[in-house]
Amino acid sequence: MASTFNLTFFPLALLLLFGRASAQLSTNYYSSTCPKLFSTVKPVVQSAISKENRMGASILRLFFHDCFVNGCDRSLLLDDTANFTGEKNANPNKNSVRGFDVIDNIKTAVETACPGVVSCADILAIAARDSVVILGGPSWNVKLGRRDATTASMSGANNNIPGPSSNLDVLTSKFSAQGLSTTDMVTLAGAHTIGQARCTTFRSHIYNDTNIDSSFASSTQSSCPATSGSGDDNLSPLDPKTSYTFDNNYYKNLINQEGLLHSDQELYNNGSTDSQVKTYSTNPSQFNSDFAAAMIKMGDISPLTGSQGQIRKNCRVVN
């Protein structure tokens, strides 16, 4: 006889994990409804990165900052209006997240190919993967079938996304809250092999911290004045050696105490994650395979599926 149990007594944490694991996502979700989806998305991403190499990192960061707030539902793409407060002006995002116009361009192309079928949530998931591949990183099969949120959470963005001054305990806690392990965290941090950061996010690290190479600190200080309010938006590459190539140099930098952000260097600072950093610094293929798996796992965070949410016509506004 089939066994039954009362969900009322099922622990909430397990329910949440079960909900994540059983989300109805699949890699062939649009195979019949939008068969040219991938070939429609990639040229737009390629064009954007060709115009500005930094854009690949910006799109990848959009994916991360969205998934950490109520799941991968593209609430981050929603603009503020007179009666709606989105996430774009939350502290981790204001004057920082970018690439929205690229997502708009992809959405336009996809709508032409298959109107009203593909969510903004899935478009960003594909664009993030394509960005990594175009910059020399690994590929993976993107799971699809997400739908778009009709709400956003400014407080979630302010509280859930780990900041650049976070220590290892805070980083571990923030990732754990999303169902991601410490191993996943160190792997996903490798996304900082591409992209740039603003002076205001690393000023304290290069002037006040002691776990930083002195010559690296000195050279970085040349474009980031010590005085707050002076040069706050000046950019420095997260990986100065190969800024626009997705590789394992980020981990080599950490071993040399050349992490740009305080939170970066925390991953190699006589702590529990040192050994994983060492492994990735000498084994790029291990990093690549682990990164692909971790991106799939992050993409599984609390997606809206079935009749939840909607397929937005315009990624910036609710239908």
Protein backbone atom coordinates (compact mmCIF):
# COMPACT_ATOMS: atom_id res chain seq x y z
CA MET A 1 0.00 0.00 0.00
CA ALA A 2 1.36 3.40 -0.92
CA SER A 3 2.52 5.39 2.08
CA THR A 4 1.26 8.89 2.72
CA PHE A 5 2.33 11.70 5.00
CA ASN A 6 0.95 15.02 6.08
CA LEU A 7 2.85 17.91 4.49
CA THR A 8 1.76 20.10 7.39
CA PHE A 9 4.40 18.44 9.50
CA PHE A 10 7.10 18.36 6.84
CA PRO A 11 9.96 20.67 7.90
CA LEU A 12 9.86 23.97 6.06
CA ALA A 13 13.56 23.86 5.19
CA LEU A 14 13.14 20.49 3.50
CA LEU A 15 10.10 21.75 1.65
CA LEU A 16 12.11 24.66 0.31
CA LEU A 17 14.92 22.38 -0.81
CA PHE A 18 12.41 19.98 -2.33
CA GLY A 19 10.79 22.86 -4.17
CA ARG A 20 14.12 23.91 -5.60
CA ALA A 21 15.11 20.40 -6.61
CA SER A 22 11.79 19.56 -8.25
CA ALA A 23 11.40 22.77 -10.23
CA GLN A 24 10.17 21.97 -13.71
CA LEU A 25 13.21 23.14 -15.65
CA SER A 26 14.73 21.28 -18.59
CA THR A 27 17.42 21.95 -21.17
CA ASN A 28 15.01 21.31 -24.07
CA TYR A 29 12.10 23.35 -22.73
CA TYR A 30 11.79 25.49 -25.90
CA SER A 31 12.86 22.85 -28.43
CA SER A 32 9.48 22.94 -30.18
CA THR A 33 8.18 26.41 -29.24
CA CYS A 34 11.35 28.37 -30.03
CA PRO A 35 13.85 26.06 -31.77
CA LYS A 36 16.18 28.89 -32.81
CA LEU A 37 16.41 30.39 -29.33
CA PHE A 38 20.12 29.75 -28.70
CA SER A 39 21.17 30.88 -32.18
CA THR A 40 19.11 34.04 -31.68
CA VAL A 41 20.62 34.96 -28.30
CA LYS A 42 24.33 34.35 -28.86
CA PRO A 43 24.96 36.80 -31.75
CA VAL A 44 23.47 39.65 -29.69
CA VAL A 45 25.71 38.77 -26.74
CA GLN A 46 28.71 38.45 -29.06
CA SER A 47 28.00 41.86 -30.58
CA ALA A 48 27.70 43.51 -27.17
CA ILE A 49 31.00 42.02 -25.95
CA SER A 50 32.72 42.95 -29.20
CA LYS A 51 31.70 46.56 -28.60
CA GLU A 52 32.76 46.46 -24.94
CA ASN A 53 34.72 43.53 -23.52
CA ARG A 54 33.54 44.33 -20.01
CA MET A 55 29.93 43.57 -20.91
CA GLY A 56 30.36 39.81 -20.54
CA ALA A 57 31.19 40.22 -16.86
CA SER A 58 28.32 42.68 -16.43
CA ILE A 59 25.78 40.18 -17.79
CA LEU A 60 27.17 37.41 -15.59
CA ARG A 61 26.87 39.69 -12.56
CA LEU A 62 23.26 40.53 -13.44
CA PHE A 63 22.47 36.81 -13.25
CA PHE A 64 24.12 36.47 -9.82
CA HIS A 65 22.53 39.58 -8.31
CA ASP A 66 19.11 38.53 -9.58
CA CYS A 67 19.23 34.90 -8.41
CA PHE A 68 20.21 35.89 -4.85
CA VAL A 69 16.96 37.83 -4.38
CA ASN A 70 13.83 35.64 -4.36
CA GLY A 71 15.40 33.26 -6.86
CA CYS A 72 16.18 33.51 -10.57
CA ASP A 73 13.00 35.39 -11.48
CA ARG A 74 14.51 38.51 -13.11
CA SER A 75 13.00 40.86 -10.58
CA LEU A 76 16.25 42.82 -10.97
CA LEU A 77 15.32 43.80 -14.52
CA LEU A 78 12.20 45.70 -13.45
CA ASP A 79 12.44 49.50 -13.54
CA ASP A 80 11.23 51.68 -10.70
CA THR A 81 7.95 53.49 -11.38
CA ALA A 82 5.81 55.95 -9.45
CA ASN A 83 4.08 53.08 -7.65
CA PHE A 84 6.68 50.29 -7.89
CA THR A 85 10.07 50.02 -6.21
CA GLY A 86 12.44 47.60 -7.89
CA GLU A 87 15.93 46.38 -7.02
CA LYS A 88 18.07 48.50 -9.35
CA ASN A 89 18.66 51.17 -6.72
CA ALA A 90 19.46 48.80 -3.85
CA ASN A 91 22.92 49.35 -2.37
CA PRO A 92 24.65 46.43 -4.15
CA ASN A 93 23.16 47.51 -7.49
CA LYS A 94 22.96 51.30 -7.62
CA ASN A 95 25.43 52.84 -10.11
CA SER A 96 26.85 49.35 -10.44
CA VAL A 97 24.74 46.71 -12.21
CA ARG A 98 24.62 47.22 -15.95
CA GLY A 99 23.84 45.46 -19.21
CA PHE A 100 20.08 45.98 -19.12
CA ASP A 101 20.14 47.38 -22.66
CA VAL A 102 21.80 44.18 -23.90
CA ILE A 103 19.04 42.09 -22.33
CA ASP A 104 16.50 44.41 -24.01
CA ASN A 105 18.18 43.81 -27.37
CA ILE A 106 18.15 40.05 -26.86
CA LYS A 107 14.48 40.14 -25.83
CA THR A 108 13.61 42.10 -28.98
CA ALA A 109 15.38 39.54 -31.18
CA VAL A 110 13.77 36.60 -29.37
CA GLU A 111 10.30 38.19 -29.56
CA THR A 112 10.75 38.50 -33.31
CA ALA A 113 11.67 34.83 -33.56
CA CYS A 114 9.00 33.50 -31.18
CA PRO A 115 6.62 36.11 -29.74
CA GLY A 116 5.39 35.71 -26.18
CA VAL A 117 7.16 32.41 -25.55
CA VAL A 118 10.53 32.95 -23.83
CA SER A 119 10.87 34.57 -20.40
CA CYS A 120 13.34 37.28 -19.52
CA ALA A 121 14.45 34.90 -16.76
CA ASP A 122 15.59 32.32 -19.30
CA ILE A 123 17.08 34.91 -21.65
CA LEU A 124 19.46 36.14 -18.92
CA ALA A 125 20.40 32.56 -17.98
CA ILE A 126 21.40 31.86 -21.58
CA ALA A 127 23.18 35.21 -21.96
CA ALA A 128 25.25 34.56 -18.82
CA ARG A 129 26.38 31.20 -20.19
CA ASP A 130 27.17 32.68 -23.61
CA SER A 131 29.19 35.49 -22.00
CA VAL A 132 31.41 32.99 -20.19
CA VAL A 133 31.91 30.93 -23.36
CA ILE A 134 32.68 33.94 -25.55
CA LEU A 135 35.38 35.05 -23.07
CA GLY A 136 37.06 31.64 -23.14
CA GLY A 137 35.33 29.85 -20.27
CA PRO A 138 33.39 26.58 -20.04
CA SER A 139 29.99 25.86 -21.53
CA TRP A 140 27.05 24.08 -19.96
CA ASN A 141 23.51 23.08 -20.90
CA VAL A 142 21.23 25.80 -19.54
CA LYS A 143 18.10 24.54 -17.83
CA LEU A 144 15.03 26.49 -18.97
CA GLY A 145 11.37 26.96 -18.15
CA ARG A 146 11.58 29.85 -15.67
CA ARG A 147 8.92 32.53 -15.66
CA ASP A 148 9.23 36.20 -14.77
CA ALA A 149 8.38 37.80 -11.43
CA THR A 150 5.73 40.47 -11.09
CA THR A 151 7.29 41.77 -7.87
CA ALA A 152 10.74 42.79 -6.63
CA SER A 153 12.43 43.18 -3.26
CA MET A 154 14.64 46.15 -2.44
CA SER A 155 15.21 44.76 1.07
CA GLY A 156 16.13 41.35 -0.33
CA ALA A 157 18.73 42.94 -2.60
CA ASN A 158 20.15 44.95 0.30
CA ASN A 159 20.33 41.96 2.64
CA ASN A 160 21.01 38.87 0.51
CA ILE A 161 23.85 39.90 -1.79
CA PRO A 162 27.27 39.65 -0.09
CA GLY A 163 29.22 42.90 -0.12
CA PRO A 164 32.88 43.49 -1.04
CA SER A 165 33.90 43.97 2.59
CA SER A 166 32.38 40.67 3.75
CA ASN A 167 34.49 38.23 5.75
CA LEU A 168 34.52 34.48 5.13
CA ASP A 169 31.79 33.73 7.68
CA VAL A 170 29.43 36.28 6.15
CA LEU A 171 30.15 35.05 2.62
CA THR A 172 29.52 31.45 3.66
CA SER A 173 26.29 32.40 5.40
CA LYS A 174 24.92 34.41 2.46
CA PHE A 175 25.61 31.59 0.00
CA SER A 176 24.25 28.96 2.38
CA ALA A 177 21.00 30.93 2.62
CA GLN A 178 20.59 30.32 -1.12
CA GLY A 179 21.27 26.59 -0.84
CA LEU A 180 24.83 26.98 -2.11
CA SER A 181 27.75 25.33 -0.31
CA THR A 182 31.07 26.87 0.65
CA THR A 183 32.58 24.90 -2.24
CA ASP A 184 30.03 26.45 -4.61
CA MET A 185 30.91 29.87 -3.22
CA VAL A 186 34.63 29.55 -3.91
CA THR A 187 33.85 28.23 -7.38
CA LEU A 188 31.41 31.00 -8.28
CA ALA A 189 33.81 33.64 -6.93
CA GLY A 190 35.99 32.66 -9.88
CA ALA A 191 33.66 34.81 -11.99
CA HIS A 192 35.93 37.62 -10.75
CA THR A 193 38.45 36.45 -13.32
CA ILE A 194 36.61 38.97 -15.55
CA GLY A 195 35.12 42.38 -14.91
CA GLN A 196 36.02 45.52 -13.03
CA ALA A 197 35.20 47.08 -9.69
CA ARG A 198 34.76 50.66 -8.54
CA CYS A 199 37.31 52.27 -6.22
CA THR A 200 34.70 52.66 -3.48
CA THR A 201 34.37 48.86 -3.23
CA PHE A 202 38.07 48.15 -2.64
CA ARG A 203 39.50 51.38 -1.18
CA SER A 204 39.59 50.05 2.38
CA HIS A 205 41.28 46.83 1.28
CA ILE A 206 44.15 48.47 -0.61
CA TYR A 207 44.81 51.11 2.07
CA ASN A 208 43.99 49.41 5.36
CA ASP A 209 44.30 45.62 5.05
CA THR A 210 47.58 43.83 5.67
CA ASN A 211 46.87 40.64 3.70
CA ILE A 212 47.68 42.32 0.40
CA ASP A 213 50.84 42.41 -1.70
CA SER A 214 52.44 45.81 -1.16
CA SER A 215 53.34 46.45 -4.79
CA PHE A 216 49.86 45.41 -5.92
CA ALA A 217 48.33 47.75 -3.34
CA SER A 218 50.58 50.60 -4.43
CA SER A 219 49.83 50.21 -8.14
CA THR A 220 46.09 50.01 -7.47
CA GLN A 221 46.17 53.09 -5.25
CA SER A 222 47.36 55.13 -8.25
CA SER A 223 43.82 55.05 -9.67
CA CYS A 224 41.93 54.95 -6.37
CA PRO A 225 42.59 57.94 -4.07
CA ALA A 226 42.48 57.32 -0.32
CA THR A 227 39.90 60.03 0.31
CA SER A 228 36.30 58.89 0.20
CA GLY A 229 34.38 60.84 -2.42
CA SER A 230 37.44 61.23 -4.62
CA GLY A 231 37.56 58.89 -7.59
CA ASP A 232 34.87 56.62 -6.13
CA ASP A 233 33.80 55.41 -9.57
CA ASN A 234 37.30 54.85 -10.94
CA LEU A 235 37.56 51.28 -12.22
CA SER A 236 40.20 48.62 -11.68
CA PRO A 237 40.17 45.10 -13.12
CA LEU A 238 39.33 42.28 -10.72
CA ASP A 239 42.02 40.23 -12.50
CA PRO A 240 44.63 42.63 -13.90
CA LYS A 241 46.59 39.89 -15.67
CA THR A 242 43.86 38.63 -18.02
CA SER A 243 40.96 41.02 -17.47
CA TYR A 244 38.85 39.86 -20.40
CA THR A 245 39.65 36.15 -20.43
CA PHE A 246 37.70 33.66 -18.37
CA ASP A 247 40.45 31.55 -16.79
CA ASN A 248 41.82 30.48 -13.40
CA ASN A 249 44.13 33.48 -12.89
CA TYR A 250 41.81 34.83 -10.20
CA TYR A 251 42.95 32.03 -7.88
CA LYS A 252 46.62 32.58 -8.71
CA ASN A 253 46.11 36.22 -7.78
CA LEU A 254 44.67 35.25 -4.39
CA ILE A 255 47.68 33.07 -3.61
CA ASN A 256 49.88 36.08 -4.43
CA GLN A 257 47.70 38.26 -2.15
CA GLU A 258 46.48 40.21 -5.14
CA GLY A 259 42.75 39.94 -4.61
CA LEU A 260 41.17 43.30 -5.43
CA LEU A 261 38.29 43.08 -2.98
CA HIS A 262 38.54 42.29 0.73
CA SER A 263 35.95 39.55 0.12
CA ASP A 264 38.14 38.04 -2.62
CA GLN A 265 41.22 37.73 -0.43
CA GLU A 266 39.12 36.23 2.38
CA LEU A 267 38.99 33.04 0.29
CA TYR A 268 42.75 32.64 0.71
CA ASN A 269 43.60 33.97 4.13
CA ASN A 270 44.68 30.99 6.26
CA GLY A 271 41.11 29.71 6.37
CA SER A 272 39.03 26.69 5.40
CA THR A 273 38.83 27.61 1.71
CA ASP A 274 42.59 27.91 1.09
CA SER A 275 42.93 24.37 -0.23
CA GLN A 276 40.24 24.82 -2.87
CA VAL A 277 41.86 28.04 -4.06
CA LYS A 278 45.18 26.20 -4.36
CA THR A 279 43.55 23.41 -6.36
CA TYR A 280 41.95 25.79 -8.84
CA SER A 281 45.16 27.81 -9.20
CA THR A 282 46.91 24.79 -10.69
CA ASN A 283 43.99 22.90 -12.23
CA PRO A 284 42.03 25.04 -14.69
CA SER A 285 40.03 22.10 -16.04
CA GLN A 286 38.76 21.30 -12.53
CA PHE A 287 37.74 24.92 -12.06
CA ASN A 288 35.96 25.00 -15.42
CA SER A 289 33.93 21.86 -14.78
CA ASP A 290 33.07 22.92 -11.24
CA PHE A 291 32.07 26.41 -12.40
CA ALA A 292 29.69 25.03 -15.00
CA ALA A 293 28.05 22.79 -12.39
CA ALA A 294 27.79 25.63 -9.86
CA MET A 295 26.16 27.92 -12.43
CA ILE A 296 23.52 25.27 -13.13
CA LYS A 297 22.95 24.95 -9.39
CA MET A 298 22.63 28.71 -8.94
CA GLY A 299 20.18 28.82 -11.84
CA ASP A 300 17.99 26.37 -9.93
CA ILE A 301 17.37 28.77 -7.04
CA SER A 302 13.60 29.10 -6.52
CA PRO A 303 12.48 29.58 -10.13
CA LEU A 304 8.91 30.49 -10.96
CA THR A 305 7.43 27.72 -13.11
CA GLY A 306 4.13 26.47 -14.49
CA SER A 307 1.46 29.13 -13.98
CA GLN A 308 3.56 31.21 -11.56
CA GLY A 309 4.67 34.68 -12.67
CA GLN A 310 4.39 35.61 -16.35
CA ILE A 311 6.27 35.88 -19.63
CA ARG A 312 7.05 39.60 -19.74
CA LYS A 313 6.71 41.34 -23.08
CA ASN A 314 9.22 43.95 -21.98
CA CYS A 315 11.82 42.83 -19.43
CA ARG A 316 11.71 46.20 -17.63
CA VAL A 317 7.99 46.24 -16.80
CA VAL A 318 5.29 43.88 -15.63
CA ASN A 319 2.72 43.10 -18.35
